[in-house]
C-alpha atoms as a PDB file:
ATOM      1  CA  MET A   1       0.000   0.000   0.000  1.00  0.00           C
ATOM      2  CA  LYS A   2       2.785   2.385   0.969  1.00  0.00           C
ATOM      3  CA  LYS A   3       4.660   1.588  -2.239  1.00  0.00           C
ATOM      4  CA  THR A   4       1.550   2.327  -4.298  1.00  0.00           C
ATOM      5  CA  VAL A   5       1.106   5.708  -2.633  1.00  0.00           C
ATOM      6  CA  ASN A   6       4.784   6.534  -3.135  1.00  0.00           C
ATOM      7  CA  ARG A   7       4.586   5.547  -6.802  1.00  0.00           C
ATOM      8  CA  ALA A   8       1.475   7.670  -7.286  1.00  0.00           C
ATOM      9  CA  LEU A   9       3.179  10.653  -5.669  1.00  0.00           C
ATOM     10  CA  MET A  10       6.285  10.186  -7.789  1.00  0.00           C
ATOM     11  CA  THR A  11       4.140   9.961 -10.915  1.00  0.00           C
ATOM     12  CA  LEU A  12       2.401  13.219  -9.981  1.00  0.00           C
ATOM     13  CA  VAL A  13       5.734  14.896  -9.347  1.00  0.00           C
ATOM     14  CA  MET A  14       7.124  13.642 -12.663  1.00  0.00           C
ATOM     15  CA  LEU A  15       4.042  14.794 -14.564  1.00  0.00           C
ATOM     16  CA  GLY A  16       3.845  18.114 -12.736  1.00  0.00           C
ATOM     17  CA  ALA A  17       7.547  18.944 -12.878  1.00  0.00           C
ATOM     18  CA  PRO A  18       7.621  19.922 -16.573  1.00  0.00           C
ATOM     19  CA  MET A  19       4.530  22.078 -16.108  1.00  0.00           C
ATOM     20  CA  MET A  20       5.999  23.768 -13.039  1.00  0.00           C
ATOM     21  CA  ALA A  21       9.368  24.289 -14.743  1.00  0.00           C
ATOM     22  CA  HIS A  22       7.714  26.390 -17.456  1.00  0.00           C
ATOM     23  CA  ALA A  23       5.419  28.258 -15.107  1.00  0.00           C
ATOM     24  CA  GLU A  24       7.118  31.434 -14.048  1.00  0.00           C
ATOM     25  CA  LYS A  25       4.484  32.907 -11.815  1.00  0.00           C
ATOM     26  CA  ILE A  26       1.738  31.165  -9.848  1.00  0.00           C
ATOM     27  CA  ALA A  27      -1.074  32.766  -7.859  1.00  0.00           C
ATOM     28  CA  VAL A  28      -3.900  31.469  -5.716  1.00  0.00           C
ATOM     29  CA  VAL A  29      -7.405  32.744  -5.055  1.00  0.00           C
ATOM     30  CA  ASP A  30      -9.444  31.892  -1.990  1.00  0.00           C
ATOM     31  CA  MET A  31     -12.873  31.738  -3.631  1.00  0.00           C
ATOM     32  CA  ALA A  32     -14.714  31.387  -0.325  1.00  0.00           C
ATOM     33  CA  ALA A  33     -13.048  34.525   1.031  1.00  0.00           C
ATOM     34  CA  VAL A  34     -13.732  36.396  -2.199  1.00  0.00           C
ATOM     35  CA  PHE A  35     -17.443  35.539  -2.107  1.00  0.00           C
ATOM     36  CA  GLU A  36     -17.649  36.425   1.606  1.00  0.00           C
ATOM     37  CA  GLN A  37     -16.254  39.914   1.002  1.00  0.00           C
ATOM     38  CA  LEU A  38     -18.165  40.860  -2.127  1.00  0.00           C
ATOM     39  CA  PRO A  39     -20.445  43.880  -1.823  1.00  0.00           C
ATOM     40  CA  GLN A  40     -22.611  42.354  -4.573  1.00  0.00           C
ATOM     41  CA  ARG A  41     -23.756  39.668  -2.099  1.00  0.00           C
ATOM     42  CA  GLU A  42     -25.682  42.264  -0.130  1.00  0.00           C
ATOM     43  CA  GLN A  43     -27.254  43.647  -3.310  1.00  0.00           C
ATOM     44  CA  ILE A  44     -28.318  40.158  -4.365  1.00  0.00           C
ATOM     45  CA  GLY A  45     -29.788  39.533  -0.914  1.00  0.00           C
ATOM     46  CA  LYS A  46     -31.829  42.742  -1.117  1.00  0.00           C
ATOM     47  CA  GLN A  47     -32.941  41.926  -4.650  1.00  0.00           C
ATOM     48  CA  LEU A  48     -34.114  38.444  -3.660  1.00  0.00           C
ATOM     49  CA  GLU A  49     -35.801  39.819  -0.554  1.00  0.00           C
ATOM     50  CA  SER A  50     -37.779  42.315  -2.614  1.00  0.00           C
ATOM     51  CA  GLU A  51     -38.587  39.653  -5.210  1.00  0.00           C
ATOM     52  CA  PHE A  52     -39.763  37.061  -2.679  1.00  0.00           C
ATOM     53  CA  GLY A  53     -40.732  39.300   0.245  1.00  0.00           C
ATOM     54  CA  ASP A  54     -44.490  39.088  -0.326  1.00  0.00           C
ATOM     55  CA  ARG A  55     -44.433  35.307  -0.557  1.00  0.00           C
ATOM     56  CA  MET A  56     -42.216  35.029   2.530  1.00  0.00           C
ATOM     57  CA  ALA A  57     -44.598  37.270   4.453  1.00  0.00           C
ATOM     58  CA  ALA A  58     -47.590  35.193   3.313  1.00  0.00           C
ATOM     59  CA  VAL A  59     -45.944  31.964   4.478  1.00  0.00           C
ATOM     60  CA  LYS A  60     -44.986  33.541   7.795  1.00  0.00           C
ATOM     61  CA  LYS A  61     -48.545  34.806   8.308  1.00  0.00           C
ATOM     62  CA  LEU A  62     -49.925  31.358   7.512  1.00  0.00           C
ATOM     63  CA  GLN A  63     -47.559  29.863  10.104  1.00  0.00           C
ATOM     64  CA  GLU A  64     -48.683  32.389  12.697  1.00  0.00           C
ATOM     65  CA  ASP A  65     -52.365  31.806  11.887  1.00  0.00           C
ATOM     66  CA  LEU A  66     -51.895  28.070  12.213  1.00  0.00           C
ATOM     67  CA  ARG A  67     -50.058  28.441  15.510  1.00  0.00           C
ATOM     68  CA  SER A  68     -52.707  30.782  16.975  1.00  0.00           C
ATOM     69  CA  MET A  69     -55.494  28.454  15.795  1.00  0.00           C
ATOM     70  CA  ALA A  70     -53.781  25.487  17.464  1.00  0.00           C
ATOM     71  CA  GLU A  71     -53.401  27.452  20.702  1.00  0.00           C
ATOM     72  CA  LYS A  72     -57.054  28.556  20.575  1.00  0.00           C
ATOM     73  CA  ASN A  73     -58.269  25.018  19.924  1.00  0.00           C
ATOM     74  CA  GLN A  74     -56.161  23.676  22.758  1.00  0.00           C
ATOM     75  CA  ARG A  75     -57.384  26.390  25.098  1.00  0.00           C
ATOM     76  CA  ASP A  76     -61.068  26.006  24.121  1.00  0.00           C
ATOM     77  CA  ALA A  77     -61.109  22.211  23.679  1.00  0.00           C
ATOM     78  CA  ALA A  78     -63.113  21.612  26.862  1.00  0.00           C
ATOM     79  CA  LEU A  79     -65.847  23.999  25.697  1.00  0.00           C
ATOM     80  CA  MET A  80     -66.087  22.714  22.105  1.00  0.00           C
ATOM     81  CA  SER A  81     -68.479  20.073  20.838  1.00  0.00           C
ATOM     82  CA  GLU A  82     -67.154  17.069  18.908  1.00  0.00           C
ATOM     83  CA  THR A  83     -68.412  18.608  15.667  1.00  0.00           C
ATOM     84  CA  GLN A  84     -66.568  21.854  16.393  1.00  0.00           C
ATOM     85  CA  LYS A  85     -63.405  19.925  17.278  1.00  0.00           C
ATOM     86  CA  THR A  86     -63.593  17.931  14.051  1.00  0.00           C
ATOM     87  CA  GLU A  87     -64.253  21.069  12.032  1.00  0.00           C
ATOM     88  CA  ALA A  88     -61.320  22.883  13.675  1.00  0.00           C
ATOM     89  CA  LEU A  89     -59.035  19.894  13.121  1.00  0.00           C
ATOM     90  CA  ARG A  90     -59.936  19.728   9.420  1.00  0.00           C
ATOM     91  CA  LYS A  91     -59.346  23.456   9.045  1.00  0.00           C
ATOM     92  CA  MET A  92     -55.938  23.131  10.722  1.00  0.00           C
ATOM     93  CA  GLU A  93     -55.011  20.160   8.519  1.00  0.00           C
ATOM     94  CA  SER A  94     -56.013  22.151   5.441  1.00  0.00           C
ATOM     95  CA  MET A  95     -53.931  25.115   6.606  1.00  0.00           C
ATOM     96  CA  GLN A  96     -50.990  22.796   7.342  1.00  0.00           C
ATOM     97  CA  ALA A  97     -51.166  21.298   3.839  1.00  0.00           C
ATOM     98  CA  ASP A  98     -51.387  24.776   2.306  1.00  0.00           C
ATOM     99  CA  LEU A  99     -48.406  25.905   4.400  1.00  0.00           C
ATOM    100  CA  GLN A 100     -46.311  22.923   3.320  1.00  0.00           C
ATOM    101  CA  LEU A 101     -47.179  23.458  -0.338  1.00  0.00           C
ATOM    102  CA  LYS A 102     -46.464  27.189  -0.300  1.00  0.00           C
ATOM    103  CA  GLY A 103     -43.353  26.774   1.825  1.00  0.00           C
ATOM    104  CA  LYS A 104     -41.879  24.105  -0.437  1.00  0.00           C
ATOM    105  CA  ALA A 105     -42.625  26.137  -3.584  1.00  0.00           C
ATOM    106  CA  LEU A 106     -41.054  29.229  -2.015  1.00  0.00           C
ATOM    107  CA  ASP A 107     -37.943  27.301  -0.962  1.00  0.00           C
ATOM    108  CA  GLU A 108     -37.511  25.816  -4.431  1.00  0.00           C
ATOM    109  CA  ASP A 109     -38.013  29.133  -6.216  1.00  0.00           C
ATOM    110  CA  LEU A 110     -35.713  30.971  -3.816  1.00  0.00           C
ATOM    111  CA  ARG A 111     -33.000  28.317  -4.142  1.00  0.00           C
ATOM    112  CA  ARG A 112     -33.273  28.427  -7.953  1.00  0.00           C
ATOM    113  CA  ARG A 113     -32.973  32.228  -8.042  1.00  0.00           C
ATOM    114  CA  GLN A 114     -30.065  32.192  -5.581  1.00  0.00           C
ATOM    115  CA  GLY A 115     -28.308  29.711  -7.859  1.00  0.00           C
ATOM    116  CA  GLU A 116     -28.924  31.916 -10.889  1.00  0.00           C
ATOM    117  CA  GLU A 117     -27.548  34.969  -9.120  1.00  0.00           C
ATOM    118  CA  GLN A 118     -24.544  33.045  -7.780  1.00  0.00           C
ATOM    119  CA  ASN A 119     -23.758  31.792 -11.282  1.00  0.00           C
ATOM    120  CA  LYS A 120     -23.859  35.367 -12.618  1.00  0.00           C
ATOM    121  CA  LEU A 121     -21.579  36.466  -9.805  1.00  0.00           C
ATOM    122  CA  LEU A 122     -19.241  33.534 -10.419  1.00  0.00           C
ATOM    123  CA  GLY A 123     -18.931  34.618 -14.056  1.00  0.00           C
ATOM    124  CA  GLN A 124     -17.984  38.127 -12.948  1.00  0.00           C
ATOM    125  CA  VAL A 125     -15.462  36.756 -10.447  1.00  0.00           C
ATOM    126  CA  GLN A 126     -13.859  34.551 -13.089  1.00  0.00           C
ATOM    127  CA  LYS A 127     -13.519  37.497 -15.490  1.00  0.00           C
ATOM    128  CA  VAL A 128     -11.884  39.613 -12.789  1.00  0.00           C
ATOM    129  CA  ILE A 129      -9.540  36.776 -11.800  1.00  0.00           C
ATOM    130  CA  THR A 130      -8.463  36.532 -15.442  1.00  0.00           C
ATOM    131  CA  SER A 131      -7.971  40.290 -15.603  1.00  0.00           C
ATOM    132  CA  VAL A 132      -5.928  40.397 -12.380  1.00  0.00           C
ATOM    133  CA  ALA A 133      -3.867  37.404 -13.530  1.00  0.00           C
ATOM    134  CA  GLU A 134      -3.128  39.058 -16.872  1.00  0.00           C
ATOM    135  CA  LYS A 135      -2.163  42.368 -15.237  1.00  0.00           C
ATOM    136  CA  GLY A 136       0.072  40.549 -12.752  1.00  0.00           C
ATOM    137  CA  LYS A 137       1.480  38.341 -15.523  1.00  0.00           C
ATOM    138  CA  TYR A 138       0.600  35.132 -13.700  1.00  0.00           C
ATOM    139  CA  ASP A 139       0.909  31.941 -15.697  1.00  0.00           C
ATOM    140  CA  ILE A 140      -1.308  29.833 -13.431  1.00  0.00           C
ATOM    141  CA  VAL A 141      -4.017  30.719 -10.913  1.00  0.00           C
ATOM    142  CA  LEU A 142      -5.069  27.948  -8.558  1.00  0.00           C
ATOM    143  CA  GLN A 143      -7.877  27.765  -6.062  1.00  0.00           C
ATOM    144  CA  ARG A 144      -6.587  28.144  -2.490  1.00  0.00           C
ATOM    145  CA  GLY A 145      -7.982  24.782  -1.415  1.00  0.00           C
ATOM    146  CA  ALA A 146      -5.898  23.015  -4.070  1.00  0.00           C
ATOM    147  CA  VAL A 147      -2.568  23.995  -2.534  1.00  0.00           C
ATOM    148  CA  ILE A 148      -1.015  23.135   0.797  1.00  0.00           C
ATOM    149  CA  TYR A 149       1.234  26.159   1.092  1.00  0.00           C
ATOM    150  CA  VAL A 150       1.498  29.461  -0.691  1.00  0.00           C
ATOM    151  CA  LYS A 151       3.393  32.628   0.087  1.00  0.00           C
ATOM    152  CA  PRO A 152       1.059  35.431   1.123  1.00  0.00           C
ATOM    153  CA  ASP A 153       2.181  37.632  -1.772  1.00  0.00           C
ATOM    154  CA  ALA A 154       1.013  34.979  -4.261  1.00  0.00           C
ATOM    155  CA  ASP A 155      -2.580  35.200  -2.949  1.00  0.00           C
ATOM    156  CA  ILE A 156      -4.494  37.571  -5.240  1.00  0.00           C
ATOM    157  CA  SER A 157      -7.839  37.239  -3.424  1.00  0.00           C
ATOM    158  CA  ASN A 158      -7.777  40.794  -2.055  1.00  0.00           C
ATOM    159  CA  GLN A 159      -6.938  42.184  -5.492  1.00  0.00           C
ATOM    160  CA  VAL A 160      -9.923  40.325  -6.935  1.00  0.00           C
ATOM    161  CA  VAL A 161     -12.255  41.676  -4.230  1.00  0.00           C
ATOM    162  CA  GLU A 162     -10.947  45.229  -4.751  1.00  0.00           C
ATOM    163  CA  ALA A 163     -11.464  44.984  -8.511  1.00  0.00           C
ATOM    164  CA  LEU A 164     -14.985  43.635  -8.056  1.00  0.00           C
ATOM    165  CA  SER A 165     -15.771  46.365  -5.511  1.00  0.00           C
ATOM    166  CA  LYS A 166     -14.725  49.003  -8.038  1.00  0.00           C
ATOM    167  CA  GLY A 167     -17.150  47.527 -10.523  1.00  0.00           C
ATOM    168  CA  ASN A 168     -14.760  45.753 -12.877  1.00  0.00           C
END
């Protein structure tokens, strides 16, 4: 097992050595840090909130109505007839089904739109990374998670965030 691992590592080194010999300048980008610092994230959040705010409020109101109805039924159970209890239970079950349906649809739509916006943002980030790499004359840009060690001056994440903040 140990020999197999050593052979695999040697093969990687042998294959990577020619590539690394020709690469003059390598940079890394911490994509998670870049996305965390982007001012566009806040704009996207506000946009999605305005787009889905009414539906979110409707679902929240339905939850509150269902909760208050359950509390009322529990409080008034001793005073209610069996017919009233059955009627209240059916109404609550109907509200619960409606809540689940609306909540699931909202979650799916919100997740889809978040994905669309993240993909747009990813495209912008990739363009800026390319621009920063070209300006800095980097031959290779790797994602931070793909490397074990990198000198701090080879990390261009802050440059990418600054360029995106300026609107590039």
